[in-house]
Amino acid sequence: MLLQIDPQTLGLQLGTGAVIGGLVGYFAKKVAKVLAFIVGLELALFAFLEKKGYMSVRWDALSGGLLDAGETAAEVSDGWVAPTVSAAAVTGGFAGGLYLGFWRG
């Protein structure tokens, strides 16, 4: 039995996924830039206040939290791979659009 694939439906799924992925990528990059600026400003303020003697910062505790977050993200990422692969037409377009949107954003 041959698999019947409708090119119009496949194109619509790829196109829709690409548009949505592009929008998500574009806005994700904008949000990431704002968050990076806020975190950088906060760390600079911490360093300044520590240098002036107003506060004491445990830098090892700050970096330890980042390492724990990376390990947690690696553990969580295993659960969504199989469902994403099963929807290849939409996710393929979404991934391409996400890349372009993030790159252009």
PDB file of N, CA and C in Angstrom:
ATOM      1  N   MET A   1       0.835  -1.180   0.000  1.00  0.00           N
ATOM      2  CA  MET A   1       0.000   0.000   0.000  1.00  0.00           C
ATOM      3  C   MET A   1       0.880   1.243   0.000  1.00  0.00           C
ATOM      4  N   LEU A   2       0.664   2.123  -0.928  1.00  0.00           N
ATOM      5  CA  LEU A   2       1.417   3.354  -1.026  1.00  0.00           C
ATOM      6  C   LEU A   2       0.825   4.425  -0.122  1.00  0.00           C
ATOM      7  N   LEU A   3       1.685   5.245   0.379  1.00  0.00           N
ATOM      8  CA  LEU A   3       1.261   6.343   1.234  1.00  0.00           C
ATOM      9  C   LEU A   3       0.846   7.510   0.346  1.00  0.00           C
ATOM     10  N   GLN A   4      -0.362   7.967   0.502  1.00  0.00           N
ATOM     11  CA  GLN A   4      -0.865   9.088  -0.288  1.00  0.00           C
ATOM     12  C   GLN A   4      -0.517  10.397   0.417  1.00  0.00           C
ATOM     13  N   ILE A   5       0.265  11.221  -0.262  1.00  0.00           N
ATOM     14  CA  ILE A   5       0.671  12.509   0.297  1.00  0.00           C
ATOM     15  C   ILE A   5       0.118  13.606  -0.599  1.00  0.00           C
ATOM     16  N   ASP A   6      -0.652  14.489  -0.004  1.00  0.00           N
ATOM     17  CA  ASP A   6      -1.202  15.620  -0.725  1.00  0.00           C
ATOM     18  C   ASP A   6      -0.189  16.767  -0.676  1.00  0.00           C
ATOM     19  N   PRO A   7       0.397  17.154  -1.818  1.00  0.00           N
ATOM     20  CA  PRO A   7       1.419  18.207  -1.805  1.00  0.00           C
ATOM     21  C   PRO A   7       0.887  19.545  -1.281  1.00  0.00           C
ATOM     22  N   GLN A   8      -0.384  19.836  -1.543  1.00  0.00           N
ATOM     23  CA  GLN A   8      -0.946  21.102  -1.074  1.00  0.00           C
ATOM     24  C   GLN A   8      -1.023  21.131   0.456  1.00  0.00           C
ATOM     25  N   THR A   9      -1.467  20.048   1.055  1.00  0.00           N
ATOM     26  CA  THR A   9      -1.551  19.974   2.515  1.00  0.00           C
ATOM     27  C   THR A   9      -0.166  20.006   3.134  1.00  0.00           C
ATOM     28  N   LEU A  10       0.762  19.281   2.531  1.00  0.00           N
ATOM     29  CA  LEU A  10       2.125  19.272   3.038  1.00  0.00           C
ATOM     30  C   LEU A  10       2.744  20.663   2.959  1.00  0.00           C
ATOM     31  N   GLY A  11       2.537  21.352   1.851  1.00  0.00           N
ATOM     32  CA  GLY A  11       3.052  22.713   1.701  1.00  0.00           C
ATOM     33  C   GLY A  11       2.426  23.671   2.699  1.00  0.00           C
ATOM     34  N   LEU A  12       1.121  23.516   2.933  1.00  0.00           N
ATOM     35  CA  LEU A  12       0.433  24.361   3.907  1.00  0.00           C
ATOM     36  C   LEU A  12       0.981  24.129   5.308  1.00  0.00           C
ATOM     37  N   GLN A  13       1.229  22.868   5.656  1.00  0.00           N
ATOM     38  CA  GLN A  13       1.783  22.567   6.974  1.00  0.00           C
ATOM     39  C   GLN A  13       3.194  23.128   7.123  1.00  0.00           C
ATOM     40  N   LEU A  14       4.009  22.949   6.093  1.00  0.00           N
ATOM     41  CA  LEU A  14       5.374  23.482   6.146  1.00  0.00           C
ATOM     42  C   LEU A  14       5.373  25.006   6.219  1.00  0.00           C
ATOM     43  N   GLY A  15       4.527  25.636   5.410  1.00  0.00           N
ATOM     44  CA  GLY A  15       4.462  27.092   5.397  1.00  0.00           C
ATOM     45  C   GLY A  15       3.961  27.665   6.713  1.00  0.00           C
ATOM     46  N   THR A  16       2.918  27.057   7.255  1.00  0.00           N
ATOM     47  CA  THR A  16       2.379  27.525   8.526  1.00  0.00           C
ATOM     48  C   THR A  16       3.397  27.353   9.645  1.00  0.00           C
ATOM     49  N   GLY A  17       4.048  26.211   9.651  1.00  0.00           N
ATOM     50  CA  GLY A  17       5.088  25.985  10.655  1.00  0.00           C
ATOM     51  C   GLY A  17       6.229  26.975  10.525  1.00  0.00           C
ATOM     52  N   ALA A  18       6.595  27.298   9.288  1.00  0.00           N
ATOM     53  CA  ALA A  18       7.691  28.245   9.069  1.00  0.00           C
ATOM     54  C   ALA A  18       7.322  29.644   9.546  1.00  0.00           C
ATOM     55  N   VAL A  19       6.097  30.075   9.263  1.00  0.00           N
ATOM     56  CA  VAL A  19       5.672  31.412   9.682  1.00  0.00           C
ATOM     57  C   VAL A  19       5.613  31.501  11.202  1.00  0.00           C
ATOM     58  N   ILE A  20       4.992  30.510  11.824  1.00  0.00           N
ATOM     59  CA  ILE A  20       4.900  30.516  13.289  1.00  0.00           C
ATOM     60  C   ILE A  20       6.292  30.416  13.908  1.00  0.00           C
ATOM     61  N   GLY A  21       7.133  29.552  13.358  1.00  0.00           N
ATOM     62  CA  GLY A  21       8.502  29.424  13.863  1.00  0.00           C
ATOM     63  C   GLY A  21       9.290  30.707  13.716  1.00  0.00           C
ATOM     64  N   GLY A  22       9.101  31.397  12.594  1.00  0.00           N
ATOM     65  CA  GLY A  22       9.789  32.671  12.386  1.00  0.00           C
ATOM     66  C   GLY A  22       9.381  33.709  13.410  1.00  0.00           C
ATOM     67  N   LEU A  23       8.082  33.780  13.684  1.00  0.00           N
ATOM     68  CA  LEU A  23       7.604  34.734  14.684  1.00  0.00           C
ATOM     69  C   LEU A  23       8.113  34.397  16.083  1.00  0.00           C
ATOM     70  N   VAL A  24       8.069  33.118  16.426  1.00  0.00           N
ATOM     71  CA  VAL A  24       8.558  32.702  17.740  1.00  0.00           C
ATOM     72  C   VAL A  24      10.058  32.983  17.862  1.00  0.00           C
ATOM     73  N   GLY A  25      10.816  32.660  16.833  1.00  0.00           N
ATOM     74  CA  GLY A  25      12.259  32.910  16.869  1.00  0.00           C
ATOM     75  C   GLY A  25      12.595  34.374  16.986  1.00  0.00           C
ATOM     76  N   TYR A  26      11.883  35.211  16.242  1.00  0.00           N
ATOM     77  CA  TYR A  26      12.127  36.651  16.261  1.00  0.00           C
ATOM     78  C   TYR A  26      11.883  37.219  17.655  1.00  0.00           C
ATOM     79  N   PHE A  27      10.720  36.888  18.232  1.00  0.00           N
ATOM     80  CA  PHE A  27      10.393  37.423  19.542  1.00  0.00           C
ATOM     81  C   PHE A  27      11.204  36.787  20.657  1.00  0.00           C
ATOM     82  N   ALA A  28      11.597  35.525  20.492  1.00  0.00           N
ATOM     83  CA  ALA A  28      12.448  34.873  21.491  1.00  0.00           C
ATOM     84  C   ALA A  28      13.799  35.566  21.563  1.00  0.00           C
ATOM     85  N   LYS A  29      14.330  35.970  20.422  1.00  0.00           N
ATOM     86  CA  LYS A  29      15.617  36.657  20.426  1.00  0.00           C
ATOM     87  C   LYS A  29      15.497  38.027  21.079  1.00  0.00           C
ATOM     88  N   LYS A  30      14.391  38.717  20.820  1.00  0.00           N
ATOM     89  CA  LYS A  30      14.187  40.029  21.445  1.00  0.00           C
ATOM     90  C   LYS A  30      14.087  39.890  22.960  1.00  0.00           C
ATOM     91  N   VAL A  31      13.331  38.911  23.430  1.00  0.00           N
ATOM     92  CA  VAL A  31      13.191  38.684  24.870  1.00  0.00           C
ATOM     93  C   VAL A  31      14.536  38.276  25.471  1.00  0.00           C
ATOM     94  N   ALA A  32      15.287  37.432  24.769  1.00  0.00           N
ATOM     95  CA  ALA A  32      16.595  36.994  25.268  1.00  0.00           C
ATOM     96  C   ALA A  32      17.554  38.173  25.403  1.00  0.00           C
ATOM     97  N   LYS A  33      17.507  39.101  24.454  1.00  0.00           N
ATOM     98  CA  LYS A  33      18.377  40.279  24.538  1.00  0.00           C
ATOM     99  C   LYS A  33      18.025  41.134  25.745  1.00  0.00           C
ATOM    100  N   VAL A  34      16.746  41.337  25.989  1.00  0.00           N
ATOM    101  CA  VAL A  34      16.320  42.138  27.142  1.00  0.00           C
ATOM    102  C   VAL A  34      16.729  41.455  28.439  1.00  0.00           C
ATOM    103  N   LEU A  35      16.502  40.144  28.532  1.00  0.00           N
ATOM    104  CA  LEU A  35      16.881  39.414  29.740  1.00  0.00           C
ATOM    105  C   LEU A  35      18.391  39.426  29.963  1.00  0.00           C
ATOM    106  N   ALA A  36      19.159  39.279  28.891  1.00  0.00           N
ATOM    107  CA  ALA A  36      20.621  39.311  29.016  1.00  0.00           C
ATOM    108  C   ALA A  36      21.088  40.682  29.496  1.00  0.00           C
ATOM    109  N   PHE A  37      20.459  41.735  29.006  1.00  0.00           N
ATOM    110  CA  PHE A  37      20.813  43.088  29.436  1.00  0.00           C
ATOM    111  C   PHE A  37      20.499  43.274  30.917  1.00  0.00           C
ATOM    112  N   ILE A  38      19.322  42.809  31.347  1.00  0.00           N
ATOM    113  CA  ILE A  38      18.927  42.957  32.754  1.00  0.00           C
ATOM    114  C   ILE A  38      19.858  42.169  33.667  1.00  0.00           C
ATOM    115  N   VAL A  39      20.180  40.939  33.294  1.00  0.00           N
ATOM    116  CA  VAL A  39      21.074  40.114  34.114  1.00  0.00           C
ATOM    117  C   VAL A  39      22.469  40.729  34.155  1.00  0.00           C
ATOM    118  N   GLY A  40      22.966  41.207  33.032  1.00  0.00           N
ATOM    119  CA  GLY A  40      24.279  41.848  33.002  1.00  0.00           C
ATOM    120  C   GLY A  40      24.323  43.097  33.856  1.00  0.00           C
ATOM    121  N   LEU A  41      23.267  43.899  33.779  1.00  0.00           N
ATOM    122  CA  LEU A  41      23.190  45.108  34.595  1.00  0.00           C
ATOM    123  C   LEU A  41      23.153  44.759  36.082  1.00  0.00           C
ATOM    124  N   GLU A  42      22.401  43.720  36.417  1.00  0.00           N
ATOM    125  CA  GLU A  42      22.312  43.288  37.811  1.00  0.00           C
ATOM    126  C   GLU A  42      23.673  42.796  38.318  1.00  0.00           C
ATOM    127  N   LEU A  43      24.380  42.010  37.508  1.00  0.00           N
ATOM    128  CA  LEU A  43      25.704  41.523  37.929  1.00  0.00           C
ATOM    129  C   LEU A  43      26.699  42.661  38.064  1.00  0.00           C
ATOM    130  N   ALA A  44      26.620  43.642  37.168  1.00  0.00           N
ATOM    131  CA  ALA A  44      27.500  44.805  37.277  1.00  0.00           C
ATOM    132  C   ALA A  44      27.198  45.594  38.547  1.00  0.00           C
ATOM    133  N   LEU A  45      25.907  45.724  38.872  1.00  0.00           N
ATOM    134  CA  LEU A  45      25.520  46.414  40.097  1.00  0.00           C
ATOM    135  C   LEU A  45      26.023  45.652  41.320  1.00  0.00           C
ATOM    136  N   PHE A  46      25.904  44.321  41.308  1.00  0.00           N
ATOM    137  CA  PHE A  46      26.424  43.512  42.417  1.00  0.00           C
ATOM    138  C   PHE A  46      27.926  43.722  42.581  1.00  0.00           C
ATOM    139  N   ALA A  47      28.664  43.699  41.476  1.00  0.00           N
ATOM    140  CA  ALA A  47      30.120  43.878  41.540  1.00  0.00           C
ATOM    141  C   ALA A  47      30.467  45.266  42.088  1.00  0.00           C
ATOM    142  N   PHE A  48      29.731  46.282  41.649  1.00  0.00           N
ATOM    143  CA  PHE A  48      29.978  47.643  42.118  1.00  0.00           C
ATOM    144  C   PHE A  48      29.707  47.763  43.620  1.00  0.00           C
ATOM    145  N   LEU A  49      28.552  47.235  44.063  1.00  0.00           N
ATOM    146  CA  LEU A  49      28.209  47.326  45.480  1.00  0.00           C
ATOM    147  C   LEU A  49      29.154  46.508  46.354  1.00  0.00           C
ATOM    148  N   GLU A  50      29.650  45.386  45.813  1.00  0.00           N
ATOM    149  CA  GLU A  50      30.619  44.596  46.575  1.00  0.00           C
ATOM    150  C   GLU A  50      31.946  45.341  46.684  1.00  0.00           C
ATOM    151  N   LYS A  51      32.358  45.998  45.609  1.00  0.00           N
ATOM    152  CA  LYS A  51      33.617  46.745  45.620  1.00  0.00           C
ATOM    153  C   LYS A  51      33.553  47.915  46.605  1.00  0.00           C
ATOM    154  N   LYS A  52      32.390  48.541  46.698  1.00  0.00           N
ATOM    155  CA  LYS A  52      32.220  49.661  47.625  1.00  0.00           C
ATOM    156  C   LYS A  52      32.040  49.204  49.075  1.00  0.00           C
ATOM    157  N   GLY A  53      31.814  47.910  49.285  1.00  0.00           N
ATOM    158  CA  GLY A  53      31.690  47.375  50.627  1.00  0.00           C
ATOM    159  C   GLY A  53      30.272  47.376  51.176  1.00  0.00           C
ATOM    160  N   TYR A  54      29.287  47.644  50.342  1.00  0.00           N
ATOM    161  CA  TYR A  54      27.904  47.676  50.804  1.00  0.00           C
ATOM    162  C   TYR A  54      27.291  46.284  50.928  1.00  0.00           C
ATOM    163  N   MET A  55      27.823  45.325  50.199  1.00  0.00           N
ATOM    164  CA  MET A  55      27.279  43.975  50.250  1.00  0.00           C
ATOM    165  C   MET A  55      28.372  42.961  49.935  1.00  0.00           C
ATOM    166  N   SER A  56      28.099  41.715  50.275  1.00  0.00           N
ATOM    167  CA  SER A  56      29.018  40.626  49.975  1.00  0.00           C
ATOM    168  C   SER A  56      28.299  39.642  49.053  1.00  0.00           C
ATOM    169  N   VAL A  57      28.912  39.332  47.918  1.00  0.00           N
ATOM    170  CA  VAL A  57      28.300  38.452  46.924  1.00  0.00           C
ATOM    171  C   VAL A  57      29.026  37.115  46.936  1.00  0.00           C
ATOM    172  N   ARG A  58      28.267  36.044  47.038  1.00  0.00           N
ATOM    173  CA  ARG A  58      28.841  34.693  46.935  1.00  0.00           C
ATOM    174  C   ARG A  58      28.800  34.289  45.462  1.00  0.00           C
ATOM    175  N   TRP A  59      29.864  34.570  44.738  1.00  0.00           N
ATOM    176  CA  TRP A  59      29.902  34.311  43.290  1.00  0.00           C
ATOM    177  C   TRP A  59      29.839  32.824  42.984  1.00  0.00           C
ATOM    178  N   ASP A  60      30.383  31.993  43.867  1.00  0.00           N
ATOM    179  CA  ASP A  60      30.323  30.546  43.642  1.00  0.00           C
ATOM    180  C   ASP A  60      28.888  30.045  43.702  1.00  0.00           C
ATOM    181  N   ALA A  61      28.057  30.639  44.547  1.00  0.00           N
ATOM    182  CA  ALA A  61      26.651  30.236  44.627  1.00  0.00           C
ATOM    183  C   ALA A  61      25.903  30.635  43.352  1.00  0.00           C
ATOM    184  N   LEU A  62      26.253  31.787  42.791  1.00  0.00           N
ATOM    185  CA  LEU A  62      25.615  32.220  41.539  1.00  0.00           C
ATOM    186  C   LEU A  62      25.945  31.276  40.390  1.00  0.00           C
ATOM    187  N   SER A  63      27.204  30.913  40.249  1.00  0.00           N
ATOM    188  CA  SER A  63      27.583  30.026  39.149  1.00  0.00           C
ATOM    189  C   SER A  63      27.096  28.603  39.378  1.00  0.00           C
ATOM    190  N   GLY A  64      26.997  28.165  40.625  1.00  0.00           N
ATOM    191  CA  GLY A  64      26.493  26.828  40.926  1.00  0.00           C
ATOM    192  C   GLY A  64      25.051  26.659  40.499  1.00  0.00           C
ATOM    193  N   GLY A  65      24.243  27.699  40.642  1.00  0.00           N
ATOM    194  CA  GLY A  65      22.855  27.646  40.200  1.00  0.00           C
ATOM    195  C   GLY A  65      22.744  27.514  38.697  1.00  0.00           C
ATOM    196  N   LEU A  66      23.637  28.145  37.977  1.00  0.00           N
ATOM    197  CA  LEU A  66      23.612  28.036  36.517  1.00  0.00           C
ATOM    198  C   LEU A  66      23.974  26.628  36.067  1.00  0.00           C
ATOM    199  N   LEU A  67      24.919  26.006  36.740  1.00  0.00           N
ATOM    200  CA  LEU A  67      25.298  24.641  36.379  1.00  0.00           C
ATOM    201  C   LEU A  67      24.157  23.672  36.659  1.00  0.00           C
ATOM    202  N   ASP A  68      23.453  23.864  37.770  1.00  0.00           N
ATOM    203  CA  ASP A  68      22.313  23.005  38.089  1.00  0.00           C
ATOM    204  C   ASP A  68      21.199  23.177  37.071  1.00  0.00           C
ATOM    205  N   ALA A  69      20.977  24.401  36.617  1.00  0.00           N
ATOM    206  CA  ALA A  69      19.935  24.647  35.619  1.00  0.00           C
ATOM    207  C   ALA A  69      20.266  23.955  34.304  1.00  0.00           C
ATOM    208  N   GLY A  70      21.522  23.933  33.918  1.00  0.00           N
ATOM    209  CA  GLY A  70      21.927  23.249  32.693  1.00  0.00           C
ATOM    210  C   GLY A  70      21.705  21.753  32.769  1.00  0.00           C
ATOM    211  N   GLU A  71      21.984  21.157  33.918  1.00  0.00           N
ATOM    212  CA  GLU A  71      21.759  19.720  34.090  1.00  0.00           C
ATOM    213  C   GLU A  71      20.272  19.395  34.057  1.00  0.00           C
ATOM    214  N   THR A  72      19.453  20.240  34.672  1.00  0.00           N
ATOM    215  CA  THR A  72      18.013  20.019  34.679  1.00  0.00           C
ATOM    216  C   THR A  72      17.451  20.128  33.270  1.00  0.00           C
ATOM    217  N   ALA A  73      17.919  21.099  32.502  1.00  0.00           N
ATOM    218  CA  ALA A  73      17.455  21.255  31.119  1.00  0.00           C
ATOM    219  C   ALA A  73      17.831  20.040  30.281  1.00  0.00           C
ATOM    220  N   ALA A  74      18.993  19.471  30.509  1.00  0.00           N
ATOM    221  CA  ALA A  74      19.413  18.288  29.756  1.00  0.00           C
ATOM    222  C   ALA A  74      18.524  17.090  30.079  1.00  0.00           C
ATOM    223  N   GLU A  75      18.094  16.971  31.325  1.00  0.00           N
ATOM    224  CA  GLU A  75      17.225  15.860  31.712  1.00  0.00           C
ATOM    225  C   GLU A  75      15.829  16.020  31.116  1.00  0.00           C
ATOM    226  N   VAL A  76      15.300  17.230  31.092  1.00  0.00           N
ATOM    227  CA  VAL A  76      13.954  17.484  30.603  1.00  0.00           C
ATOM    228  C   VAL A  76      13.875  17.320  29.094  1.00  0.00           C
ATOM    229  N   SER A  77      14.953  17.609  28.378  1.00  0.00           N
ATOM    230  CA  SER A  77      14.921  17.615  26.920  1.00  0.00           C
ATOM    231  C   SER A  77      14.659  16.239  26.314  1.00  0.00           C
ATOM    232  N   ASP A  78      14.869  15.165  27.050  1.00  0.00           N
ATOM    233  CA  ASP A  78      14.655  13.832  26.499  1.00  0.00           C
ATOM    234  C   ASP A  78      13.186  13.532  26.234  1.00  0.00           C
ATOM    235  N   GLY A  79      12.262  14.135  26.971  1.00  0.00           N
ATOM    236  CA  GLY A  79      10.854  13.801  26.888  1.00  0.00           C
ATOM    237  C   GLY A  79      10.119  14.347  25.675  1.00  0.00           C
ATOM    238  N   TRP A  80      10.601  15.378  25.015  1.00  0.00           N
ATOM    239  CA  TRP A  80       9.857  15.984  23.918  1.00  0.00           C
ATOM    240  C   TRP A  80      10.388  15.606  22.543  1.00  0.00           C
ATOM    241  N   VAL A  81      11.427  14.828  22.463  1.00  0.00           N
ATOM    242  CA  VAL A  81      12.020  14.512  21.163  1.00  0.00           C
ATOM    243  C   VAL A  81      11.109  13.631  20.312  1.00  0.00           C
ATOM    244  N   ALA A  82      10.585  12.561  20.872  1.00  0.00           N
ATOM    245  CA  ALA A  82       9.769  11.627  20.091  1.00  0.00           C
ATOM    246  C   ALA A  82       8.493  12.270  19.539  1.00  0.00           C
ATOM    247  N   PRO A  83       7.711  13.016  20.316  1.00  0.00           N
ATOM    248  CA  PRO A  83       6.528  13.661  19.735  1.00  0.00           C
ATOM    249  C   PRO A  83       6.866  14.692  18.656  1.00  0.00           C
ATOM    250  N   THR A  84       7.992  15.360  18.802  1.00  0.00           N
ATOM    251  CA  THR A  84       8.390  16.358  17.805  1.00  0.00           C
ATOM    252  C   THR A  84       8.756  15.688  16.490  1.00  0.00           C
ATOM    253  N   VAL A  85       9.456  14.584  16.553  1.00  0.00           N
ATOM    254  CA  VAL A  85       9.850  13.872  15.344  1.00  0.00           C
ATOM    255  C   VAL A  85       8.624  13.322  14.621  1.00  0.00           C
ATOM    256  N   SER A  86       7.591  12.925  15.369  1.00  0.00           N
ATOM    257  CA  SER A  86       6.402  12.356  14.744  1.00  0.00           C
ATOM    258  C   SER A  86       5.623  13.379  13.939  1.00  0.00           C
ATOM    259  N   ALA A  87       5.785  14.640  14.213  1.00  0.00           N
ATOM    260  CA  ALA A  87       5.099  15.696  13.464  1.00  0.00           C
ATOM    261  C   ALA A  87       6.105  16.425  12.580  1.00  0.00           C
ATOM    262  N   ALA A  88       6.810  15.696  11.735  1.00  0.00           N
ATOM    263  CA  ALA A  88       7.949  16.230  10.983  1.00  0.00           C
ATOM    264  C   ALA A  88       7.583  17.355  10.017  1.00  0.00           C
ATOM    265  N   ALA A  89       6.434  17.308   9.399  1.00  0.00           N
ATOM    266  CA  ALA A  89       6.097  18.345   8.425  1.00  0.00           C
ATOM    267  C   ALA A  89       5.959  19.713   9.079  1.00  0.00           C
ATOM    268  N   VAL A  90       5.223  19.762  10.166  1.00  0.00           N
ATOM    269  CA  VAL A  90       5.023  21.034  10.851  1.00  0.00           C
ATOM    270  C   VAL A  90       6.296  21.474  11.562  1.00  0.00           C
ATOM    271  N   THR A  91       6.960  20.543  12.242  1.00  0.00           N
ATOM    272  CA  THR A  91       8.149  20.921  12.987  1.00  0.00           C
ATOM    273  C   THR A  91       9.314  21.278  12.068  1.00  0.00           C
ATOM    274  N   GLY A  92       9.362  20.673  10.888  1.00  0.00           N
ATOM    275  CA  GLY A  92      10.419  21.042   9.938  1.00  0.00           C
ATOM    276  C   GLY A  92      10.278  22.483   9.502  1.00  0.00           C
ATOM    277  N   GLY A  93       9.062  22.865   9.160  1.00  0.00           N
ATOM    278  CA  GLY A  93       8.820  24.259   8.790  1.00  0.00           C
ATOM    279  C   GLY A  93       9.028  25.187   9.964  1.00  0.00           C
ATOM    280  N   PHE A  94       8.570  24.752  11.139  1.00  0.00           N
ATOM    281  CA  PHE A  94       8.725  25.567  12.339  1.00  0.00           C
ATOM    282  C   PHE A  94      10.196  25.774  12.663  1.00  0.00           C
ATOM    283  N   ALA A  95      10.985  24.715  12.564  1.00  0.00           N
ATOM    284  CA  ALA A  95      12.407  24.819  12.885  1.00  0.00           C
ATOM    285  C   ALA A  95      13.120  25.766  11.921  1.00  0.00           C
ATOM    286  N   GLY A  96      12.796  25.651  10.636  1.00  0.00           N
ATOM    287  CA  GLY A  96      13.398  26.563   9.665  1.00  0.00           C
ATOM    288  C   GLY A  96      12.989  28.001   9.919  1.00  0.00           C
ATOM    289  N   GLY A  97      11.702  28.214  10.200  1.00  0.00           N
ATOM    290  CA  GLY A  97      11.228  29.556  10.502  1.00  0.00           C
ATOM    291  C   GLY A  97      11.803  30.095  11.790  1.00  0.00           C
ATOM    292  N   LEU A  98      11.936  29.234  12.793  1.00  0.00           N
ATOM    293  CA  LEU A  98      12.519  29.642  14.059  1.00  0.00           C
ATOM    294  C   LEU A  98      13.962  30.083  13.859  1.00  0.00           C
ATOM    295  N   TYR A  99      14.699  29.329  13.082  1.00  0.00           N
ATOM    296  CA  TYR A  99      16.087  29.695  12.801  1.00  0.00           C
ATOM    297  C   TYR A  99      16.162  31.043  12.099  1.00  0.00           C
ATOM    298  N   LEU A 100      15.358  31.215  11.050  1.00  0.00           N
ATOM    299  CA  LEU A 100      15.378  32.488  10.312  1.00  0.00           C
ATOM    300  C   LEU A 100      14.915  33.651  11.170  1.00  0.00           C
ATOM    301  N   GLY A 101      13.858  33.438  11.964  1.00  0.00           N
ATOM    302  CA  GLY A 101      13.376  34.500  12.823  1.00  0.00           C
ATOM    303  C   GLY A 101      14.385  34.872  13.894  1.00  0.00           C
ATOM    304  N   PHE A 102      15.041  33.892  14.470  1.00  0.00           N
ATOM    305  CA  PHE A 102      16.048  34.165  15.494  1.00  0.00           C
ATOM    306  C   PHE A 102      17.263  34.836  14.871  1.00  0.00           C
ATOM    307  N   TRP A 103      17.617  34.418  13.677  1.00  0.00           N
ATOM    308  CA  TRP A 103      18.774  34.996  12.985  1.00  0.00           C
ATOM    309  C   TRP A 103      18.496  36.428  12.576  1.00  0.00           C
ATOM    310  N   ARG A 104      17.286  36.719  12.082  1.00  0.00           N
ATOM    311  CA  ARG A 104      16.932  38.064  11.635  1.00  0.00           C
ATOM    312  C   ARG A 104      16.579  39.008  12.780  1.00  0.00           C
ATOM    313  N   GLY A 105      16.135  38.430  13.907  1.00  0.00           N
ATOM    314  CA  GLY A 105      15.680  39.254  15.043  1.00  0.00           C
ATOM    315  C   GLY A 105      16.803  39.951  15.677  1.00  0.00           C
TER     316      GLY A 105
END
